[in-house]
All heavy atoms as atom14 arrays in JSON, in Angstrom:
{
  "sequence": "AYHSDQRPELLEAGNKALHFLTVPIEHGGPFTSMKD",
  "atom14_mask": [
    [1, 1, 1, 1, 1, 0, 0, 0, 0, 0, 0, 0, 0, 0],
    [1, 1, 1, 1, 1, 1, 1, 1, 1, 1, 1, 1, 0, 0],
    [1, 1, 1, 1, 1, 1, 1, 1, 1, 1, 0, 0, 0, 0],
    [1, 1, 1, 1, 1, 1, 0, 0, 0, 0, 0, 0, 0, 0],
    [1, 1, 1, 1, 1, 1, 1, 1, 0, 0, 0, 0, 0, 0],
    [1, 1, 1, 1, 1, 1, 1, 1, 1, 0, 0, 0, 0, 0],
    [1, 1, 1, 1, 1, 1, 1, 1, 1, 1, 1, 0, 0, 0],
    [1, 1, 1, 1, 1, 1, 1, 0, 0, 0, 0, 0, 0, 0],
    [1, 1, 1, 1, 1, 1, 1, 1, 1, 0, 0, 0, 0, 0],
    [1, 1, 1, 1, 1, 1, 1, 1, 0, 0, 0, 0, 0, 0],
    [1, 1, 1, 1, 1, 1, 1, 1, 0, 0, 0, 0, 0, 0],
    [1, 1, 1, 1, 1, 1, 1, 1, 1, 0, 0, 0, 0, 0],
    [1, 1, 1, 1, 1, 0, 0, 0, 0, 0, 0, 0, 0, 0],
    [1, 1, 1, 1, 0, 0, 0, 0, 0, 0, 0, 0, 0, 0],
    [1, 1, 1, 1, 1, 1, 1, 1, 0, 0, 0, 0, 0, 0],
    [1, 1, 1, 1, 1, 1, 1, 1, 1, 0, 0, 0, 0, 0],
    [1, 1, 1, 1, 1, 0, 0, 0, 0, 0, 0, 0, 0, 0],
    [1, 1, 1, 1, 1, 1, 1, 1, 0, 0, 0, 0, 0, 0],
    [1, 1, 1, 1, 1, 1, 1, 1, 1, 1, 0, 0, 0, 0],
    [1, 1, 1, 1, 1, 1, 1, 1, 1, 1, 1, 0, 0, 0],
    [1, 1, 1, 1, 1, 1, 1, 1, 0, 0, 0, 0, 0, 0],
    [1, 1, 1, 1, 1, 1, 1, 0, 0, 0, 0, 0, 0, 0],
    [1, 1, 1, 1, 1, 1, 1, 0, 0, 0, 0, 0, 0, 0],
    [1, 1, 1, 1, 1, 1, 1, 0, 0, 0, 0, 0, 0, 0],
    [1, 1, 1, 1, 1, 1, 1, 1, 0, 0, 0, 0, 0, 0],
    [1, 1, 1, 1, 1, 1, 1, 1, 1, 0, 0, 0, 0, 0],
    [1, 1, 1, 1, 1, 1, 1, 1, 1, 1, 0, 0, 0, 0],
    [1, 1, 1, 1, 0, 0, 0, 0, 0, 0, 0, 0, 0, 0],
    [1, 1, 1, 1, 0, 0, 0, 0, 0, 0, 0, 0, 0, 0],
    [1, 1, 1, 1, 1, 1, 1, 0, 0, 0, 0, 0, 0, 0],
    [1, 1, 1, 1, 1, 1, 1, 1, 1, 1, 1, 0, 0, 0],
    [1, 1, 1, 1, 1, 1, 1, 0, 0, 0, 0, 0, 0, 0],
    [1, 1, 1, 1, 1, 1, 0, 0, 0, 0, 0, 0, 0, 0],
    [1, 1, 1, 1, 1, 1, 1, 1, 0, 0, 0, 0, 0, 0],
    [1, 1, 1, 1, 1, 1, 1, 1, 1, 0, 0, 0, 0, 0],
    [1, 1, 1, 1, 1, 1, 1, 1, 0, 0, 0, 0, 0, 0]
  ],
  "atom14_positions": [
    [[102.99, 86.47, 93.97], [103.62, 85.13, 94.2], [102.67, 84.13, 94.85], [102.6, 82.99, 94.44], [104.9, 85.32, 95.05], [0.0, 0.0, 0.0], [0.0, 0.0, 0.0], [0.0, 0.0, 0.0], [0.0, 0.0, 0.0], [0.0, 0.0, 0.0], [0.0, 0.0, 0.0], [0.0, 0.0, 0.0], [0.0, 0.0, 0.0], [0.0, 0.0, 0.0]],
    [[102.02, 84.6, 95.88], [101.03, 83.75, 96.61], [99.83, 83.4, 95.68], [99.34, 82.25, 95.72], [100.49, 84.43, 97.85], [99.77, 83.49, 98.77], [100.33, 82.38, 99.43], [98.42, 83.69, 98.93], [99.54, 81.58, 100.21], [97.56, 82.81, 99.71], [98.25, 81.76, 100.35], [97.48, 80.92, 101.14], [0.0, 0.0, 0.0], [0.0, 0.0, 0.0]],
    [[99.47, 84.27, 94.82], [98.35, 84.03, 93.89], [98.76, 82.89, 92.93], [97.99, 82.01, 92.56], [98.03, 85.21, 93.1], [97.15, 85.02, 91.91], [95.77, 84.73, 92.11], [97.41, 85.0, 90.55], [95.22, 84.6, 90.81], [96.16, 84.67, 89.93], [0.0, 0.0, 0.0], [0.0, 0.0, 0.0], [0.0, 0.0, 0.0], [0.0, 0.0, 0.0]],
    [[100.11, 82.86, 92.6], [100.6, 81.86, 91.63], [100.96, 80.53, 92.32], [100.88, 79.47, 91.73], [101.88, 82.38, 90.95], [101.57, 83.67, 90.31], [0.0, 0.0, 0.0], [0.0, 0.0, 0.0], [0.0, 0.0, 0.0], [0.0, 0.0, 0.0], [0.0, 0.0, 0.0], [0.0, 0.0, 0.0], [0.0, 0.0, 0.0], [0.0, 0.0, 0.0]],
    [[101.36, 80.59, 93.59], [101.75, 79.33, 94.24], [101.51, 79.6, 95.82], [102.19, 80.33, 96.49], [103.25, 79.11, 94.1], [103.75, 77.84, 94.73], [102.94, 77.1, 95.37], [104.89, 77.44, 94.51], [0.0, 0.0, 0.0], [0.0, 0.0, 0.0], [0.0, 0.0, 0.0], [0.0, 0.0, 0.0], [0.0, 0.0, 0.0], [0.0, 0.0, 0.0]],
    [[100.42, 79.02, 96.29], [99.98, 79.27, 97.62], [100.77, 78.48, 98.71], [100.28, 77.7, 99.5], [98.47, 78.97, 97.85], [97.63, 79.83, 96.87], [96.23, 79.73, 97.16], [95.65, 78.89, 97.93], [95.36, 80.55, 96.49], [0.0, 0.0, 0.0], [0.0, 0.0, 0.0], [0.0, 0.0, 0.0], [0.0, 0.0, 0.0], [0.0, 0.0, 0.0]],
    [[102.06, 78.78, 98.73], [102.95, 78.22, 99.72], [102.84, 78.97, 101.02], [102.79, 80.2, 101.12], [104.44, 78.27, 99.22], [104.77, 77.3, 98.16], [106.22, 77.29, 97.78], [106.48, 78.38, 96.86], [107.65, 79.1, 96.82], [108.6, 78.81, 97.7], [107.83, 80.03, 95.91], [0.0, 0.0, 0.0], [0.0, 0.0, 0.0], [0.0, 0.0, 0.0]],
    [[102.87, 78.26, 102.19], [102.68, 78.88, 103.46], [103.76, 79.84, 103.76], [103.52, 80.86, 104.34], [102.86, 77.69, 104.46], [102.41, 76.46, 103.65], [102.87, 76.77, 102.24], [0.0, 0.0, 0.0], [0.0, 0.0, 0.0], [0.0, 0.0, 0.0], [0.0, 0.0, 0.0], [0.0, 0.0, 0.0], [0.0, 0.0, 0.0], [0.0, 0.0, 0.0]],
    [[105.06, 79.68, 103.26], [106.11, 80.58, 103.58], [105.85, 81.99, 102.93], [106.25, 83.03, 103.36], [107.42, 80.05, 103.14], [107.58, 79.67, 101.72], [107.32, 78.24, 101.35], [106.46, 77.69, 102.13], [107.98, 77.68, 100.52], [0.0, 0.0, 0.0], [0.0, 0.0, 0.0], [0.0, 0.0, 0.0], [0.0, 0.0, 0.0], [0.0, 0.0, 0.0]],
    [[105.16, 82.05, 101.73], [104.84, 83.25, 101.03], [103.77, 83.96, 101.83], [103.85, 85.25, 101.97], [104.41, 82.98, 99.64], [105.43, 82.39, 98.69], [104.75, 81.99, 97.4], [106.6, 83.37, 98.48], [0.0, 0.0, 0.0], [0.0, 0.0, 0.0], [0.0, 0.0, 0.0], [0.0, 0.0, 0.0], [0.0, 0.0, 0.0], [0.0, 0.0, 0.0]],
    [[102.71, 83.25, 102.32], [101.73, 83.87, 103.19], [102.33, 84.43, 104.47], [101.98, 85.55, 104.85], [100.6, 82.85, 103.5], [99.54, 83.35, 104.3], [98.68, 84.35, 103.52], [98.54, 82.15, 104.72], [0.0, 0.0, 0.0], [0.0, 0.0, 0.0], [0.0, 0.0, 0.0], [0.0, 0.0, 0.0], [0.0, 0.0, 0.0], [0.0, 0.0, 0.0]],
    [[103.2, 83.72, 105.07], [103.8, 84.19, 106.3], [104.67, 85.4, 106.03], [104.63, 86.35, 106.85], [104.72, 83.07, 106.87], [105.47, 83.46, 108.19], [106.35, 82.37, 108.72], [106.52, 81.35, 108.09], [106.94, 82.62, 109.83], [0.0, 0.0, 0.0], [0.0, 0.0, 0.0], [0.0, 0.0, 0.0], [0.0, 0.0, 0.0], [0.0, 0.0, 0.0]],
    [[105.46, 85.43, 104.98], [106.24, 86.64, 104.62], [105.44, 87.8, 104.42], [105.71, 88.97, 104.91], [107.15, 86.31, 103.47], [0.0, 0.0, 0.0], [0.0, 0.0, 0.0], [0.0, 0.0, 0.0], [0.0, 0.0, 0.0], [0.0, 0.0, 0.0], [0.0, 0.0, 0.0], [0.0, 0.0, 0.0], [0.0, 0.0, 0.0], [0.0, 0.0, 0.0]],
    [[104.31, 87.63, 103.73], [103.43, 88.79, 103.44], [102.81, 89.33, 104.64], [102.67, 90.56, 104.89], [0.0, 0.0, 0.0], [0.0, 0.0, 0.0], [0.0, 0.0, 0.0], [0.0, 0.0, 0.0], [0.0, 0.0, 0.0], [0.0, 0.0, 0.0], [0.0, 0.0, 0.0], [0.0, 0.0, 0.0], [0.0, 0.0, 0.0], [0.0, 0.0, 0.0]],
    [[102.38, 88.38, 105.56], [101.71, 88.82, 106.82], [102.71, 89.55, 107.7], [102.37, 90.48, 108.43], [101.0, 87.62, 107.53], [99.79, 87.22, 106.89], [99.09, 88.07, 106.31], [99.43, 85.97, 106.97], [0.0, 0.0, 0.0], [0.0, 0.0, 0.0], [0.0, 0.0, 0.0], [0.0, 0.0, 0.0], [0.0, 0.0, 0.0], [0.0, 0.0, 0.0]],
    [[103.9, 89.1, 107.73], [104.98, 89.77, 108.5], [105.29, 91.18, 107.93], [105.52, 92.17, 108.63], [106.26, 88.91, 108.5], [106.16, 87.67, 109.4], [107.31, 86.82, 109.25], [108.65, 87.37, 109.71], [109.77, 86.43, 109.59], [0.0, 0.0, 0.0], [0.0, 0.0, 0.0], [0.0, 0.0, 0.0], [0.0, 0.0, 0.0], [0.0, 0.0, 0.0]],
    [[105.33, 91.26, 106.6], [105.55, 92.56, 105.92], [104.36, 93.47, 106.34], [104.6, 94.71, 106.52], [105.67, 92.41, 104.44], [0.0, 0.0, 0.0], [0.0, 0.0, 0.0], [0.0, 0.0, 0.0], [0.0, 0.0, 0.0], [0.0, 0.0, 0.0], [0.0, 0.0, 0.0], [0.0, 0.0, 0.0], [0.0, 0.0, 0.0], [0.0, 0.0, 0.0]],
    [[103.14, 93.0, 106.32], [102.0, 93.8, 106.62], [102.08, 94.24, 108.08], [101.81, 95.43, 108.33], [100.73, 92.94, 106.35], [99.4, 93.56, 106.89], [99.04, 94.75, 106.08], [98.28, 92.49, 106.73], [0.0, 0.0, 0.0], [0.0, 0.0, 0.0], [0.0, 0.0, 0.0], [0.0, 0.0, 0.0], [0.0, 0.0, 0.0], [0.0, 0.0, 0.0]],
    [[102.38, 93.36, 108.98], [102.45, 93.68, 110.41], [103.49, 94.78, 110.58], [103.24, 95.73, 111.35], [102.84, 92.49, 111.23], [103.07, 92.79, 112.65], [102.06, 93.14, 113.51], [104.23, 92.9, 113.36], [102.59, 93.36, 114.72], [103.91, 93.29, 114.63], [0.0, 0.0, 0.0], [0.0, 0.0, 0.0], [0.0, 0.0, 0.0], [0.0, 0.0, 0.0]],
    [[104.68, 94.72, 109.87], [105.69, 95.78, 110.17], [105.19, 97.12, 109.7], [105.59, 98.16, 110.29], [106.97, 95.34, 109.42], [108.11, 96.28, 109.93], [108.75, 96.1, 111.2], [108.52, 97.27, 109.12], [109.7, 96.92, 111.53], [109.57, 98.19, 109.5], [110.19, 97.96, 110.72], [0.0, 0.0, 0.0], [0.0, 0.0, 0.0], [0.0, 0.0, 0.0]],
    [[104.34, 97.15, 108.71], [103.78, 98.44, 108.26], [103.04, 99.17, 109.43], [102.97, 100.36, 109.4], [102.82, 98.25, 107.15], [103.31, 98.5, 105.69], [102.2, 98.19, 104.68], [103.82, 99.8, 105.46], [0.0, 0.0, 0.0], [0.0, 0.0, 0.0], [0.0, 0.0, 0.0], [0.0, 0.0, 0.0], [0.0, 0.0, 0.0], [0.0, 0.0, 0.0]],
    [[102.5, 98.44, 110.35], [101.7, 98.99, 111.42], [102.6, 99.37, 112.64], [102.01, 99.86, 113.64], [100.62, 98.12, 111.85], [101.13, 96.89, 112.47], [99.72, 97.68, 110.73], [0.0, 0.0, 0.0], [0.0, 0.0, 0.0], [0.0, 0.0, 0.0], [0.0, 0.0, 0.0], [0.0, 0.0, 0.0], [0.0, 0.0, 0.0], [0.0, 0.0, 0.0]],
    [[103.9, 99.19, 112.6], [104.76, 99.52, 113.65], [105.01, 101.04, 113.72], [105.49, 101.62, 112.67], [106.14, 98.84, 113.63], [107.1, 99.22, 114.77], [105.92, 97.31, 113.71], [0.0, 0.0, 0.0], [0.0, 0.0, 0.0], [0.0, 0.0, 0.0], [0.0, 0.0, 0.0], [0.0, 0.0, 0.0], [0.0, 0.0, 0.0], [0.0, 0.0, 0.0]],
    [[104.67, 101.75, 114.75], [104.82, 103.19, 114.79], [106.18, 103.66, 114.67], [107.2, 102.95, 114.98], [104.19, 103.63, 116.18], [103.35, 102.55, 116.58], [104.05, 101.22, 115.99], [0.0, 0.0, 0.0], [0.0, 0.0, 0.0], [0.0, 0.0, 0.0], [0.0, 0.0, 0.0], [0.0, 0.0, 0.0], [0.0, 0.0, 0.0], [0.0, 0.0, 0.0]],
    [[106.44, 104.87, 114.09], [107.72, 105.41, 113.94], [108.46, 105.43, 115.25], [109.72, 105.07, 115.34], [107.6, 106.88, 113.4], [107.28, 106.81, 111.87], [108.85, 107.64, 113.6], [107.13, 108.18, 111.2], [0.0, 0.0, 0.0], [0.0, 0.0, 0.0], [0.0, 0.0, 0.0], [0.0, 0.0, 0.0], [0.0, 0.0, 0.0], [0.0, 0.0, 0.0]],
    [[107.87, 105.72, 116.39], [108.46, 105.82, 117.67], [109.06, 104.45, 118.08], [109.96, 104.34, 118.88], [107.46, 106.21, 118.79], [106.74, 107.48, 118.41], [105.47, 107.22, 117.64], [104.41, 106.76, 118.31], [105.45, 107.41, 116.42], [0.0, 0.0, 0.0], [0.0, 0.0, 0.0], [0.0, 0.0, 0.0], [0.0, 0.0, 0.0], [0.0, 0.0, 0.0]],
    [[108.65, 103.34, 117.47], [109.1, 102.08, 117.77], [109.88, 101.41, 116.63], [110.08, 100.17, 116.6], [107.94, 101.08, 118.16], [107.18, 101.63, 119.36], [107.77, 101.59, 120.64], [105.93, 102.05, 119.51], [106.87, 102.09, 121.52], [105.75, 102.36, 120.84], [0.0, 0.0, 0.0], [0.0, 0.0, 0.0], [0.0, 0.0, 0.0], [0.0, 0.0, 0.0]],
    [[110.28, 102.27, 115.72], [111.17, 101.75, 114.55], [110.48, 101.45, 113.3], [111.19, 100.86, 112.44], [0.0, 0.0, 0.0], [0.0, 0.0, 0.0], [0.0, 0.0, 0.0], [0.0, 0.0, 0.0], [0.0, 0.0, 0.0], [0.0, 0.0, 0.0], [0.0, 0.0, 0.0], [0.0, 0.0, 0.0], [0.0, 0.0, 0.0], [0.0, 0.0, 0.0]],
    [[109.2, 101.65, 113.24], [108.49, 101.34, 111.95], [108.16, 102.54, 111.13], [108.63, 103.68, 111.43], [0.0, 0.0, 0.0], [0.0, 0.0, 0.0], [0.0, 0.0, 0.0], [0.0, 0.0, 0.0], [0.0, 0.0, 0.0], [0.0, 0.0, 0.0], [0.0, 0.0, 0.0], [0.0, 0.0, 0.0], [0.0, 0.0, 0.0], [0.0, 0.0, 0.0]],
    [[107.36, 102.38, 110.06], [107.0, 103.48, 109.19], [105.59, 104.07, 109.38], [105.14, 104.93, 108.63], [107.03, 102.82, 107.77], [106.6, 101.47, 108.07], [107.01, 101.09, 109.48], [0.0, 0.0, 0.0], [0.0, 0.0, 0.0], [0.0, 0.0, 0.0], [0.0, 0.0, 0.0], [0.0, 0.0, 0.0], [0.0, 0.0, 0.0], [0.0, 0.0, 0.0]],
    [[104.88, 103.64, 110.37], [103.53, 103.96, 110.63], [103.38, 105.28, 111.39], [103.99, 105.45, 112.49], [102.81, 102.84, 111.41], [101.26, 103.09, 111.58], [100.47, 102.81, 110.51], [100.8, 103.57, 112.79], [99.06, 103.03, 110.66], [99.45, 103.73, 112.91], [98.55, 103.5, 111.82], [0.0, 0.0, 0.0], [0.0, 0.0, 0.0], [0.0, 0.0, 0.0]],
    [[102.6, 106.28, 110.92], [102.44, 107.52, 111.57], [101.06, 108.03, 111.24], [100.14, 107.33, 110.75], [103.54, 108.51, 111.18], [103.45, 109.74, 112.0], [103.55, 108.89, 109.69], [0.0, 0.0, 0.0], [0.0, 0.0, 0.0], [0.0, 0.0, 0.0], [0.0, 0.0, 0.0], [0.0, 0.0, 0.0], [0.0, 0.0, 0.0], [0.0, 0.0, 0.0]],
    [[100.87, 109.34, 111.47], [99.54, 110.0, 111.13], [99.79, 111.39, 110.59], [100.95, 111.79, 110.48], [98.7, 110.08, 112.47], [99.23, 111.07, 113.32], [0.0, 0.0, 0.0], [0.0, 0.0, 0.0], [0.0, 0.0, 0.0], [0.0, 0.0, 0.0], [0.0, 0.0, 0.0], [0.0, 0.0, 0.0], [0.0, 0.0, 0.0], [0.0, 0.0, 0.0]],
    [[98.71, 112.08, 110.3], [98.81, 113.41, 109.76], [98.97, 114.51, 110.91], [98.69, 115.63, 110.7], [97.6, 113.75, 108.95], [97.5, 112.86, 107.74], [98.98, 112.75, 106.7], [99.3, 114.45, 106.28], [0.0, 0.0, 0.0], [0.0, 0.0, 0.0], [0.0, 0.0, 0.0], [0.0, 0.0, 0.0], [0.0, 0.0, 0.0], [0.0, 0.0, 0.0]],
    [[99.39, 114.06, 112.16], [99.46, 114.94, 113.32], [100.43, 116.11, 113.07], [100.23, 117.09, 113.81], [99.89, 114.07, 114.51], [101.29, 113.5, 114.32], [101.66, 112.64, 115.54], [103.01, 111.89, 115.31], [103.39, 111.11, 116.47], [0.0, 0.0, 0.0], [0.0, 0.0, 0.0], [0.0, 0.0, 0.0], [0.0, 0.0, 0.0], [0.0, 0.0, 0.0]],
    [[101.35, 115.99, 112.13], [102.26, 117.16, 111.98], [101.64, 118.24, 111.14], [102.24, 119.38, 111.08], [103.6, 116.69, 111.36], [104.51, 116.03, 112.39], [104.15, 115.98, 113.53], [105.61, 115.56, 112.0], [0.0, 0.0, 0.0], [0.0, 0.0, 0.0], [0.0, 0.0, 0.0], [0.0, 0.0, 0.0], [0.0, 0.0, 0.0], [0.0, 0.0, 0.0]]
  ]
}
């Protein structure tokens, strides 16, 4: 979408989605490691 139309709200939404990927499982996100 951003490649097709470089609207700021698309960039913001993508960056927020990216940031949430880095939230650890212990804090409610999907990020973990191979520790198990």
